[in-house]
Amino acid sequence: MVQHYLEALGPALLVAAFFLIFVLNWPRRRTWTRAIACAFVLAVALRYLWWRFDATVLPYPHDGLTFYWVWFLFIIELLAFTEIVIFLLTMSRYADRSVEADRLQAAFAARPQDEWPTVDVFIPTYDEPIDVLERTIVGALALDYPKDKFKVYVLDDKRRDWLKKYCEVKGAVHVTRPDNLHAKAGNLNHGLKVSNGELVAIFDADFVPYRQFLRRTAPFFREPDIGLVQTPQHFFNKDPVQSNLGIERVWPDEQRLFFDEMAASRDAWDVSFCCGSCSIMRRQAVEAIGGIPTESITEDLLTTLAMLNKGYKTRYLNERLSMGLAAENLRGYFIQRSRWCRGGIQTLFVRNGPIRGPGLNLFQRLMFIPLSWLIQYVVRFSILIVPPIYLWTGIAPLYFTSISDIIYYQLPVLLAYFFLMLWITPTRYLPIVSNAVGAFSTFRLLPTVIATLIRPFGTPFKVTPKGSGAEQNDFDAYTFTCIATLIALTALGVIINLVPEW
């Protein structure tokens, strides 16, 4: 028996050897190394998926409810596989724009300053307190750029007299409008009407730009087809995951995987997108799309799609050029994620979205379909309910073959994915913590996915509470109840099956 298991370990050992001998010693930002590693993982995954279909699904007898449950879970696994394929395709390339930025900045600085483009710096705000706003306003006014070439506009949708006086003292332009129509997008569009800079930089009220932000990003617009440049968002506070688990020294903030790795890979495929804050765009491009789109509550993503529809390009400069506040408690965390989730799905229903938008090629449409929002929480929820359903009802999730088969087919793909993430996204992904965060979010965000598919529009834009305006960390009774119920059902199911006479 031991010999049989050792033989079954062969493919897993080959996967480990491939990564330990070759991949982990390769430069991880070269396209050829990434392409080989991702193709290898895809091949291992396909090998597992065929076994999963041929050995654990097809043999199951057509004997009622269990048959359909087995097929349902296999379809769920196919959905998860689809998301992994898109991830591997995305990560098989990487774009580092820093060298290009150095070259463009040198040429930019050599030009007379009266030829530099004018820039409007927008700070949209609704109800952020002074301890949040002050940093951003002071930082924006201190940008290293000719003073006669940029203005700072504080777009105040709360129409606060104290903020108007503060802006007058500091030298920023305080802007209000008669209503709050279309929330942040409407606020930005009103700002465009009262300003005239050739470029428009946007910083949320809780993000402070570094002094060199404009000097690093504005030179990209010498190319007339560049519509916007996005930079990463970095945070100077702990996010709720780091705070609650006390793991800030070993676990980076949750968004590092996207901003440090995935966004740069998307840029290599020319499908990077605006993330709202810490971005800069060409006014001419915004005017060409009819202003900031208001159809979705994620106006930044829709702005990107609208620009791509018109033939403009986007760029991602992966340099730390600003610092801001991450969501400070669970309430803010879920408000923020729910808005992103709902807005991403809304793009499926608007005219400039990935399905209906004119001017997009097939690859761009594929990369902008919100598959991650649509798939990941359905997959996670399905996985979470498998154990209690099996323990309480005896309904099997698959046609079981043997432990050696699982070692022979499933273990290699788990190892391949683990080693790939270890190499391609070092320190940005911890399997246990990452999966725990995803499972934790499922109970909040899956209802958002379902509700948005049924009724895409109608939920208003909600600002993420930050600074002294944020509530103290409160107890999330809903999520706790869901997780506690699942754990209790699983534990009781184990006990009942261990004690047959019960």
Protein backbone atom coordinates (compact mmCIF):
# COMPACT_ATOMS: atom_id res chain seq x y z
CA MET A 1 0.00 0.00 0.00
CA VAL A 2 2.80 2.43 0.92
CA GLN A 3 4.58 1.59 -2.34
CA HIS A 4 1.35 2.35 -4.23
CA TYR A 5 1.06 5.79 -2.63
CA LEU A 6 4.71 6.55 -3.32
CA GLU A 7 4.22 5.75 -6.99
CA ALA A 8 1.17 8.03 -7.04
CA LEU A 9 3.39 10.89 -5.82
CA GLY A 10 5.36 10.84 -9.09
CA PRO A 11 3.54 13.66 -10.92
CA ALA A 12 3.54 15.87 -7.82
CA LEU A 13 7.29 15.39 -7.45
CA LEU A 14 7.80 16.28 -11.11
CA VAL A 15 5.79 19.50 -10.64
CA ALA A 16 7.82 20.41 -7.56
CA ALA A 17 11.09 19.65 -9.37
CA PHE A 18 10.11 21.78 -12.37
CA PHE A 19 9.45 24.80 -10.18
CA LEU A 20 12.32 24.32 -7.73
CA ILE A 21 14.96 23.66 -10.40
CA PHE A 22 13.77 26.00 -13.13
CA VAL A 23 10.91 28.44 -12.52
CA LEU A 24 11.82 29.71 -9.05
CA ASN A 25 15.26 30.65 -10.42
CA TRP A 26 13.93 32.49 -13.47
CA PRO A 27 13.38 36.27 -13.65
CA ARG A 28 9.68 36.60 -12.94
CA ARG A 29 9.02 39.75 -14.97
CA ARG A 30 10.16 38.37 -18.32
CA THR A 31 7.34 37.45 -20.67
CA TRP A 32 8.95 34.20 -21.83
CA THR A 33 9.41 32.89 -18.28
CA ARG A 34 5.88 33.83 -17.26
CA ALA A 35 4.40 32.31 -20.42
CA ILE A 36 6.21 28.97 -19.87
CA ALA A 37 5.25 28.79 -16.19
CA CYS A 38 1.61 29.66 -16.83
CA ALA A 39 1.37 27.21 -19.75
CA PHE A 40 2.83 24.47 -17.55
CA VAL A 41 0.25 25.10 -14.80
CA LEU A 42 -2.52 25.13 -17.40
CA ALA A 43 -1.38 21.74 -18.74
CA VAL A 44 -1.34 20.25 -15.24
CA ALA A 45 -4.81 21.69 -14.57
CA LEU A 46 -6.19 20.26 -17.82
CA ARG A 47 -4.79 16.84 -16.89
CA TYR A 48 -6.63 17.01 -13.57
CA LEU A 49 -9.84 18.31 -15.13
CA TRP A 50 -10.01 15.45 -17.62
CA TRP A 51 -9.54 12.91 -14.83
CA ARG A 52 -12.16 14.72 -12.77
CA PHE A 53 -14.65 14.45 -15.63
CA ASP A 54 -13.80 10.96 -16.85
CA ALA A 55 -13.29 9.21 -13.51
CA THR A 56 -15.48 11.04 -10.97
CA VAL A 57 -18.42 12.40 -13.00
CA LEU A 58 -19.18 10.14 -15.96
CA PRO A 59 -19.18 6.88 -13.96
CA TYR A 60 -21.80 8.13 -11.50
CA PRO A 61 -25.08 6.26 -12.07
CA HIS A 62 -28.21 8.15 -13.06
CA ASP A 63 -29.96 7.41 -9.78
CA GLY A 64 -31.77 10.59 -8.89
CA LEU A 65 -30.79 13.71 -6.92
CA THR A 66 -27.16 12.74 -6.31
CA PHE A 67 -26.54 12.44 -10.05
CA TYR A 68 -27.59 16.05 -10.62
CA TRP A 69 -25.64 17.24 -7.58
CA VAL A 70 -22.45 15.61 -8.94
CA TRP A 71 -22.93 17.31 -12.30
CA PHE A 72 -23.78 20.65 -10.69
CA LEU A 73 -20.54 20.63 -8.68
CA PHE A 74 -18.53 19.71 -11.77
CA ILE A 75 -20.04 22.69 -13.62
CA ILE A 76 -19.09 24.87 -10.64
CA GLU A 77 -15.55 23.53 -10.93
CA LEU A 78 -15.56 24.36 -14.65
CA LEU A 79 -16.50 27.93 -13.76
CA ALA A 80 -13.59 28.10 -11.33
CA PHE A 81 -11.32 26.67 -14.03
CA THR A 82 -12.49 29.39 -16.45
CA GLU A 83 -11.47 32.06 -13.95
CA ILE A 84 -8.07 30.40 -13.48
CA VAL A 85 -7.51 30.29 -17.26
CA ILE A 86 -8.20 34.03 -17.51
CA PHE A 87 -5.83 34.64 -14.59
CA LEU A 88 -3.06 32.56 -16.19
CA LEU A 89 -3.54 34.31 -19.52
CA THR A 90 -3.37 37.71 -17.84
CA MET A 91 -0.31 36.93 -15.73
CA SER A 92 1.65 35.44 -18.65
CA ARG A 93 2.79 38.98 -19.51
CA TYR A 94 4.14 41.90 -17.49
CA ALA A 95 4.71 45.56 -18.37
CA ASP A 96 7.18 47.71 -16.43
CA ARG A 97 6.65 51.31 -17.56
CA SER A 98 9.29 52.85 -15.29
CA VAL A 99 12.05 52.82 -17.92
CA GLU A 100 9.64 54.36 -20.42
CA ALA A 101 8.64 56.94 -17.80
CA ASP A 102 12.32 57.84 -17.26
CA ARG A 103 12.82 58.42 -20.97
CA LEU A 104 9.60 60.41 -21.36
CA GLN A 105 10.31 62.50 -18.26
CA ALA A 106 13.78 63.43 -19.50
CA ALA A 107 12.36 64.57 -22.85
CA PHE A 108 9.50 66.35 -21.06
CA ALA A 109 11.84 68.24 -18.72
CA ALA A 110 13.96 69.37 -21.67
CA ARG A 111 11.01 71.29 -23.14
CA PRO A 112 10.36 74.90 -22.12
CA GLN A 113 7.91 74.98 -19.24
CA ASP A 114 5.50 77.17 -21.15
CA GLU A 115 4.97 74.14 -23.45
CA TRP A 116 4.03 71.84 -20.59
CA PRO A 117 0.36 70.85 -20.50
CA THR A 118 -1.90 72.50 -17.96
CA VAL A 119 -3.32 70.20 -15.30
CA ASP A 120 -6.46 70.36 -13.17
CA VAL A 121 -6.20 68.34 -9.96
CA PHE A 122 -9.65 67.21 -8.81
CA ILE A 123 -10.38 66.18 -5.23
CA PRO A 124 -14.01 64.99 -5.13
CA THR A 125 -15.43 64.95 -1.62
CA TYR A 126 -18.75 64.35 0.06
CA ASP A 127 -18.59 64.02 3.83
CA GLU A 128 -14.92 63.35 4.62
CA PRO A 129 -13.70 65.16 7.77
CA ILE A 130 -10.91 67.71 7.90
CA ASP A 131 -8.35 65.19 9.23
CA VAL A 132 -8.74 63.29 5.93
CA LEU A 133 -9.14 66.23 3.55
CA GLU A 134 -6.31 68.38 4.89
CA ARG A 135 -3.59 65.90 3.95
CA THR A 136 -4.91 65.55 0.42
CA ILE A 137 -5.37 69.26 -0.25
CA VAL A 138 -1.96 70.23 1.15
CA GLY A 139 -0.29 67.40 -0.74
CA ALA A 140 -1.97 68.34 -4.04
CA LEU A 141 -0.96 71.99 -3.67
CA ALA A 142 2.66 70.92 -3.08
CA LEU A 143 2.98 69.00 -6.37
CA ASP A 144 6.31 69.59 -8.14
CA TYR A 145 4.95 71.30 -11.23
CA PRO A 146 5.00 74.93 -12.43
CA LYS A 147 2.51 76.84 -10.27
CA ASP A 148 0.98 78.56 -13.27
CA LYS A 149 0.40 75.22 -14.96
CA PHE A 150 -1.86 73.47 -12.45
CA LYS A 151 -4.81 74.22 -10.19
CA VAL A 152 -6.32 72.21 -7.36
CA TYR A 153 -10.12 71.94 -7.34
CA VAL A 154 -11.91 70.67 -4.24
CA LEU A 155 -15.24 69.39 -5.56
CA ASP A 156 -17.44 69.63 -2.49
CA ASP A 157 -20.74 67.78 -2.85
CA LYS A 158 -21.69 68.57 0.76
CA ARG A 159 -21.40 72.37 0.25
CA ARG A 160 -19.59 73.01 3.53
CA ASP A 161 -18.79 76.60 4.48
CA TRP A 162 -15.83 75.62 6.64
CA LEU A 163 -14.25 73.77 3.71
CA LYS A 164 -14.75 76.80 1.45
CA LYS A 165 -12.90 79.00 3.95
CA TYR A 166 -10.15 76.40 4.32
CA CYS A 167 -9.63 76.26 0.53
CA GLU A 168 -9.48 80.06 0.33
CA VAL A 169 -6.73 80.13 2.96
CA LYS A 170 -4.71 77.35 1.30
CA GLY A 171 -5.14 78.49 -2.30
CA ALA A 172 -7.34 75.72 -3.66
CA VAL A 173 -10.49 76.32 -5.72
CA HIS A 174 -13.63 75.30 -3.83
CA VAL A 175 -16.39 74.10 -6.19
CA THR A 176 -20.00 73.24 -5.37
CA ARG A 177 -23.04 72.40 -7.49
CA PRO A 178 -26.78 72.82 -6.88
CA ASP A 179 -27.49 69.06 -6.60
CA ASN A 180 -25.77 65.70 -6.11
CA LEU A 181 -27.01 64.09 -9.30
CA HIS A 182 -24.98 61.01 -10.36
CA ALA A 183 -22.84 61.16 -7.21
CA LYS A 184 -19.06 61.13 -7.86
CA ALA A 185 -19.39 60.96 -11.66
CA GLY A 186 -21.72 63.98 -11.66
CA ASN A 187 -19.36 65.83 -9.34
CA LEU A 188 -16.42 65.21 -11.67
CA ASN A 189 -18.43 66.31 -14.71
CA HIS A 190 -19.34 69.54 -12.97
CA GLY A 191 -15.66 70.05 -12.18
CA LEU A 192 -14.86 69.66 -15.89
CA LYS A 193 -17.32 72.45 -16.68
CA VAL A 194 -15.61 74.99 -14.39
CA SER A 195 -12.01 74.13 -15.34
CA ASN A 196 -9.99 74.01 -18.56
CA GLY A 197 -6.73 72.11 -17.99
CA GLU A 198 -5.46 69.88 -20.77
CA LEU A 199 -5.00 67.03 -18.28
CA VAL A 200 -7.15 66.09 -15.29
CA ALA A 201 -5.67 64.28 -12.29
CA ILE A 202 -8.08 62.74 -9.78
CA PHE A 203 -7.41 61.95 -6.13
CA ASP A 204 -10.06 60.71 -3.77
CA ALA A 205 -10.35 62.78 -0.62
CA ASP A 206 -8.25 60.28 1.34
CA PHE A 207 -5.30 59.97 -1.09
CA VAL A 208 -2.22 62.19 -0.87
CA PRO A 209 -0.14 62.55 -4.07
CA TYR A 210 3.64 62.47 -3.92
CA ARG A 211 5.35 65.60 -5.20
CA GLN A 212 6.62 63.92 -8.39
CA PHE A 213 3.24 62.53 -9.45
CA LEU A 214 2.68 64.92 -12.37
CA ARG A 215 6.28 64.81 -13.55
CA ARG A 216 6.08 61.00 -13.78
CA THR A 217 2.66 60.72 -15.40
CA ALA A 218 2.09 63.83 -17.56
CA PRO A 219 4.91 62.94 -20.04
CA PHE A 220 2.96 59.86 -21.20
CA PHE A 221 0.44 62.15 -22.87
CA ARG A 222 2.94 63.24 -25.53
CA GLU A 223 1.48 60.30 -27.42
CA PRO A 224 -1.85 61.61 -28.72
CA ASP A 225 -3.69 58.29 -28.36
CA ILE A 226 -3.04 57.92 -24.61
CA GLY A 227 -6.33 58.59 -22.85
CA LEU A 228 -5.43 57.92 -19.22
CA VAL A 229 -2.65 56.76 -16.93
CA GLN A 230 -3.38 54.89 -13.70
CA THR A 231 -0.96 54.49 -10.81
CA PRO A 232 -1.21 52.02 -7.90
CA GLN A 233 -2.99 52.77 -4.67
CA HIS A 234 -0.90 52.31 -1.53
CA PHE A 235 -2.14 52.65 2.02
CA PHE A 236 -0.62 53.92 5.24
CA ASN A 237 -3.09 52.19 7.57
CA LYS A 238 -3.97 48.58 8.26
CA ASP A 239 -6.98 47.19 6.41
CA PRO A 240 -9.64 45.22 8.36
CA VAL A 241 -8.06 41.84 7.53
CA GLN A 242 -4.64 42.88 8.82
CA SER A 243 -6.17 44.57 11.83
CA ASN A 244 -8.47 41.72 12.89
CA LEU A 245 -5.87 38.97 12.44
CA GLY A 246 -2.84 40.98 13.56
CA ILE A 247 -0.83 39.86 10.53
CA GLU A 248 0.26 43.18 9.02
CA ARG A 249 3.95 42.16 9.28
CA VAL A 250 3.55 39.03 7.16
CA TRP A 251 0.47 39.85 5.08
CA PRO A 252 0.35 42.95 2.85
CA ASP A 253 -2.86 44.88 2.40
CA GLU A 254 -5.45 42.94 0.44
CA GLN A 255 -5.14 45.03 -2.73
CA ARG A 256 -1.42 44.48 -3.30
CA LEU A 257 -2.01 41.41 -5.48
CA PHE A 258 -4.01 43.52 -7.92
CA PHE A 259 -2.03 46.77 -7.88
CA ASP A 260 1.47 45.30 -7.71
CA GLU A 261 1.02 42.36 -10.06
CA MET A 262 -2.26 41.96 -11.92
CA ALA A 263 -2.63 45.58 -13.03
CA ALA A 264 0.86 45.58 -14.57
CA SER A 265 0.07 42.33 -16.38
CA ARG A 266 -3.19 43.75 -17.72
CA ASP A 267 -1.21 46.75 -18.98
CA ALA A 268 1.01 44.40 -21.00
CA TRP A 269 -2.15 43.29 -22.81
CA ASP A 270 -3.34 46.92 -23.29
CA VAL A 271 -6.36 46.35 -21.04
CA SER A 272 -5.38 48.31 -17.93
CA PHE A 273 -8.21 50.34 -16.47
CA CYS A 274 -8.83 53.43 -14.40
CA CYS A 275 -9.32 52.79 -10.68
CA GLY A 276 -10.63 56.28 -9.96
CA SER A 277 -8.16 57.77 -7.53
CA CYS A 278 -4.46 58.31 -8.33
CA SER A 279 -5.16 58.58 -12.06
CA ILE A 280 -4.71 61.24 -14.71
CA MET A 281 -6.55 61.57 -18.01
CA ARG A 282 -6.62 63.68 -21.15
CA ARG A 283 -9.47 66.19 -21.18
CA GLN A 284 -9.86 65.79 -24.94
CA ALA A 285 -10.44 62.04 -24.43
CA VAL A 286 -13.02 62.70 -21.71
CA GLU A 287 -14.83 65.15 -23.97
CA ALA A 288 -14.73 62.63 -26.82
CA ILE A 289 -16.72 60.15 -24.71
CA GLY A 290 -19.22 62.79 -23.61
CA GLY A 291 -17.82 63.29 -20.11
CA ILE A 292 -17.43 60.85 -17.22
CA PRO A 293 -20.06 58.11 -17.75
CA THR A 294 -22.87 58.13 -15.20
CA GLU A 295 -24.62 54.86 -16.06
CA SER A 296 -22.63 52.83 -13.51
CA ILE A 297 -21.62 53.46 -9.91
CA THR A 298 -18.05 52.53 -10.92
CA GLU A 299 -17.55 55.48 -13.22
CA ASP A 300 -13.80 54.82 -13.45
CA LEU A 301 -14.16 51.41 -15.10
CA LEU A 302 -16.82 52.69 -17.48
CA THR A 303 -14.61 55.68 -18.37
CA THR A 304 -11.90 53.23 -19.42
CA LEU A 305 -14.29 51.23 -21.59
CA ALA A 306 -15.69 54.36 -23.20
CA MET A 307 -12.17 55.56 -24.05
CA LEU A 308 -11.24 52.19 -25.53
CA ASN A 309 -14.42 52.39 -27.60
CA LYS A 310 -13.07 55.62 -29.09
CA GLY A 311 -9.63 54.18 -29.85
CA TYR A 312 -7.71 55.69 -26.92
CA LYS A 313 -5.13 53.64 -24.98
CA THR A 314 -4.59 53.26 -21.26
CA ARG A 315 -1.34 52.92 -19.36
CA TYR A 316 -0.40 51.70 -15.89
CA LEU A 317 2.69 53.10 -14.17
CA ASN A 318 3.52 50.76 -11.32
CA GLU A 319 5.25 53.27 -9.05
CA ARG A 320 4.33 54.43 -5.56
CA LEU A 321 3.18 57.98 -6.30
CA SER A 322 0.53 58.43 -3.64
CA MET A 323 -0.63 57.14 -0.26
CA GLY A 324 -4.15 56.81 1.07
CA LEU A 325 -6.51 55.25 3.55
CA ALA A 326 -7.74 51.68 3.18
CA ALA A 327 -11.19 50.84 4.50
CA GLU A 328 -10.81 51.04 8.27
CA ASN A 329 -13.54 48.68 9.47
CA LEU A 330 -15.72 45.87 8.19
CA ARG A 331 -18.62 48.16 7.38
CA GLY A 332 -16.42 50.32 5.15
CA TYR A 333 -14.76 47.25 3.65
CA PHE A 334 -18.06 45.74 2.54
CA ILE A 335 -19.48 49.07 1.33
CA GLN A 336 -16.42 49.46 -0.88
CA ARG A 337 -16.37 45.89 -2.20
CA SER A 338 -20.11 45.84 -2.79
CA ARG A 339 -19.82 49.02 -4.86
CA TRP A 340 -17.02 47.55 -6.96
CA CYS A 341 -18.95 44.31 -7.40
CA ARG A 342 -22.21 46.00 -8.35
CA GLY A 343 -20.49 48.48 -10.67
CA GLY A 344 -18.50 45.79 -12.45
CA ILE A 345 -21.63 43.74 -13.14
CA GLN A 346 -23.52 46.86 -14.23
CA THR A 347 -21.12 47.24 -17.16
CA LEU A 348 -22.74 44.18 -18.73
CA PHE A 349 -25.95 46.16 -19.19
CA VAL A 350 -24.71 49.55 -20.48
CA ARG A 351 -23.98 50.69 -24.02
CA ASN A 352 -20.23 51.23 -23.44
CA GLY A 353 -19.77 47.92 -21.64
CA PRO A 354 -17.75 44.87 -22.72
CA ILE A 355 -20.71 43.25 -24.48
CA ARG A 356 -22.37 46.14 -26.31
CA GLY A 357 -19.53 48.64 -26.52
CA PRO A 358 -18.44 49.53 -30.07
CA GLY A 359 -14.78 49.45 -31.05
CA LEU A 360 -13.67 46.71 -28.66
CA ASN A 361 -11.96 43.63 -30.02
CA LEU A 362 -12.87 40.14 -28.80
CA PHE A 363 -9.94 39.94 -26.40
CA GLN A 364 -10.80 43.28 -24.79
CA ARG A 365 -14.40 42.17 -24.33
CA LEU A 366 -13.23 38.97 -22.66
CA MET A 367 -10.86 40.77 -20.31
CA PHE A 368 -13.47 43.30 -19.19
CA ILE A 369 -16.33 40.88 -18.56
CA PRO A 370 -16.57 40.79 -14.73
CA LEU A 371 -16.03 37.03 -14.52
CA SER A 372 -14.32 37.25 -11.15
CA TRP A 373 -17.31 38.95 -9.52
CA LEU A 374 -19.74 36.60 -11.24
CA ILE A 375 -17.89 33.37 -10.48
CA GLN A 376 -15.75 33.46 -7.36
CA TYR A 377 -18.45 33.80 -4.71
CA VAL A 378 -20.74 31.25 -6.35
CA VAL A 379 -17.80 28.81 -6.41
CA ARG A 380 -16.78 29.52 -2.82
CA PHE A 381 -20.31 29.16 -1.48
CA SER A 382 -20.79 25.87 -3.33
CA ILE A 383 -17.54 24.51 -1.89
CA LEU A 384 -18.47 25.60 1.63
CA ILE A 385 -21.81 23.78 1.63
CA VAL A 386 -20.48 20.46 0.26
CA PRO A 387 -19.28 19.05 3.64
CA PRO A 388 -22.48 19.68 5.64
CA ILE A 389 -24.68 18.44 2.79
CA TYR A 390 -22.67 15.22 2.54
CA LEU A 391 -22.49 14.70 6.29
CA TRP A 392 -26.20 15.28 6.88
CA THR A 393 -27.70 13.68 3.77
CA GLY A 394 -25.08 11.29 2.43
CA ILE A 395 -25.32 12.94 -1.02
CA ALA A 396 -21.83 12.49 -2.48
CA PRO A 397 -20.14 15.33 -4.40
CA LEU A 398 -18.43 12.94 -6.85
CA TYR A 399 -17.86 9.33 -7.78
CA PHE A 400 -14.99 8.48 -5.46
CA THR A 401 -12.14 6.47 -6.95
CA SER A 402 -9.22 6.18 -4.49
CA ILE A 403 -6.83 8.16 -2.33
CA SER A 404 -4.00 7.30 -4.70
CA ASP A 405 -5.93 8.81 -7.62
CA ILE A 406 -6.38 12.05 -5.70
CA ILE A 407 -2.63 12.11 -4.99
CA TYR A 408 -1.87 11.29 -8.63
CA TYR A 409 -4.17 13.85 -10.25
CA GLN A 410 -5.26 16.52 -7.77
CA LEU A 411 -2.12 17.06 -5.69
CA PRO A 412 0.00 18.07 -8.74
CA VAL A 413 -2.39 20.87 -9.72
CA LEU A 414 -2.54 22.18 -6.14
CA LEU A 415 1.26 22.20 -5.97
CA ALA A 416 1.58 23.81 -9.40
CA TYR A 417 -0.77 26.64 -8.46
CA PHE A 418 0.95 27.11 -5.09
CA PHE A 419 4.43 27.33 -6.62
CA LEU A 420 3.22 29.64 -9.40
CA MET A 421 1.71 32.08 -6.92
CA LEU A 422 4.82 31.86 -4.74
CA TRP A 423 6.96 32.84 -7.73
CA ILE A 424 4.76 35.20 -9.72
CA THR A 425 3.24 37.11 -6.77
CA PRO A 426 5.76 36.80 -3.92
CA THR A 427 4.43 37.90 -0.49
CA ARG A 428 1.13 38.97 -2.11
CA TYR A 429 -0.63 35.65 -1.72
CA LEU A 430 -0.87 33.34 1.28
CA PRO A 431 -3.08 30.32 0.46
CA ILE A 432 -4.76 29.87 3.85
CA VAL A 433 -5.29 33.57 4.58
CA SER A 434 -6.34 34.43 1.01
CA ASN A 435 -8.91 31.63 0.93
CA ALA A 436 -10.17 32.54 4.39
CA VAL A 437 -10.72 36.16 3.32
CA GLY A 438 -12.55 34.99 0.20
CA ALA A 439 -14.77 32.67 2.22
CA PHE A 440 -15.45 35.41 4.75
CA SER A 441 -16.50 37.84 1.99
CA THR A 442 -18.76 35.31 0.28
CA PHE A 443 -21.66 35.72 2.67
CA ARG A 444 -21.76 39.48 2.06
CA LEU A 445 -20.95 39.71 -1.63
CA LEU A 446 -22.83 36.74 -3.07
CA PRO A 447 -26.17 38.44 -2.27
CA THR A 448 -24.83 41.56 -4.03
CA VAL A 449 -24.00 39.51 -7.14
CA ILE A 450 -27.45 37.93 -7.23
CA ALA A 451 -29.28 41.20 -6.52
CA THR A 452 -27.33 43.05 -9.23
CA LEU A 453 -28.05 40.39 -11.85
CA ILE A 454 -31.76 40.61 -11.02
CA ARG A 455 -31.90 44.39 -10.66
CA PRO A 456 -28.70 45.96 -12.03
CA PHE A 457 -29.56 49.58 -11.28
CA GLY A 458 -31.27 51.47 -8.52
CA THR A 459 -28.78 51.09 -5.65
CA PRO A 460 -27.19 54.50 -4.96
CA PHE A 461 -23.47 55.26 -4.76
CA LYS A 462 -22.19 54.90 -1.18
CA VAL A 463 -19.04 56.62 0.03
CA THR A 464 -16.59 54.44 1.98
CA PRO A 465 -16.32 55.93 5.50
CA LYS A 466 -12.75 56.99 6.32
CA GLY A 467 -10.86 58.85 9.04
CA SER A 468 -12.71 60.27 12.02
CA GLY A 469 -15.89 59.96 9.96
CA ALA A 470 -15.63 56.18 10.08
CA GLU A 471 -17.42 54.25 12.76
CA GLN A 472 -15.49 52.18 15.24
CA ASN A 473 -14.98 48.53 14.40
CA ASP A 474 -18.36 46.98 15.00
CA PHE A 475 -19.46 43.39 15.30
CA ASP A 476 -20.67 41.93 12.00
CA ALA A 477 -23.49 39.80 13.36
CA TYR A 478 -24.74 38.72 9.93
CA THR A 479 -21.44 37.28 8.69
CA PHE A 480 -20.67 35.76 12.08
CA THR A 481 -24.05 34.04 12.14
CA CYS A 482 -23.55 32.60 8.63
CA ILE A 483 -20.08 31.26 9.39
CA ALA A 484 -21.00 29.99 12.84
CA THR A 485 -24.02 28.15 11.42
CA LEU A 486 -21.91 26.52 8.72
CA ILE A 487 -19.25 25.46 11.23
CA ALA A 488 -21.87 24.11 13.63
CA LEU A 489 -23.63 22.10 10.91
CA THR A 490 -20.31 20.63 9.75
CA ALA A 491 -19.13 19.80 13.26
CA LEU A 492 -22.44 18.18 14.22
CA GLY A 493 -22.41 16.22 10.98
CA VAL A 494 -18.96 14.86 11.79
CA ILE A 495 -20.08 13.87 15.30
CA ILE A 496 -23.22 12.14 14.03
CA ASN A 497 -21.21 10.16 11.47
CA LEU A 498 -18.59 9.17 14.05
CA VAL A 499 -21.26 7.85 16.40
CA PRO A 500 -23.48 5.62 14.21
CA GLU A 501 -25.98 4.85 16.94
CA TRP A 502 -27.06 8.52 16.99
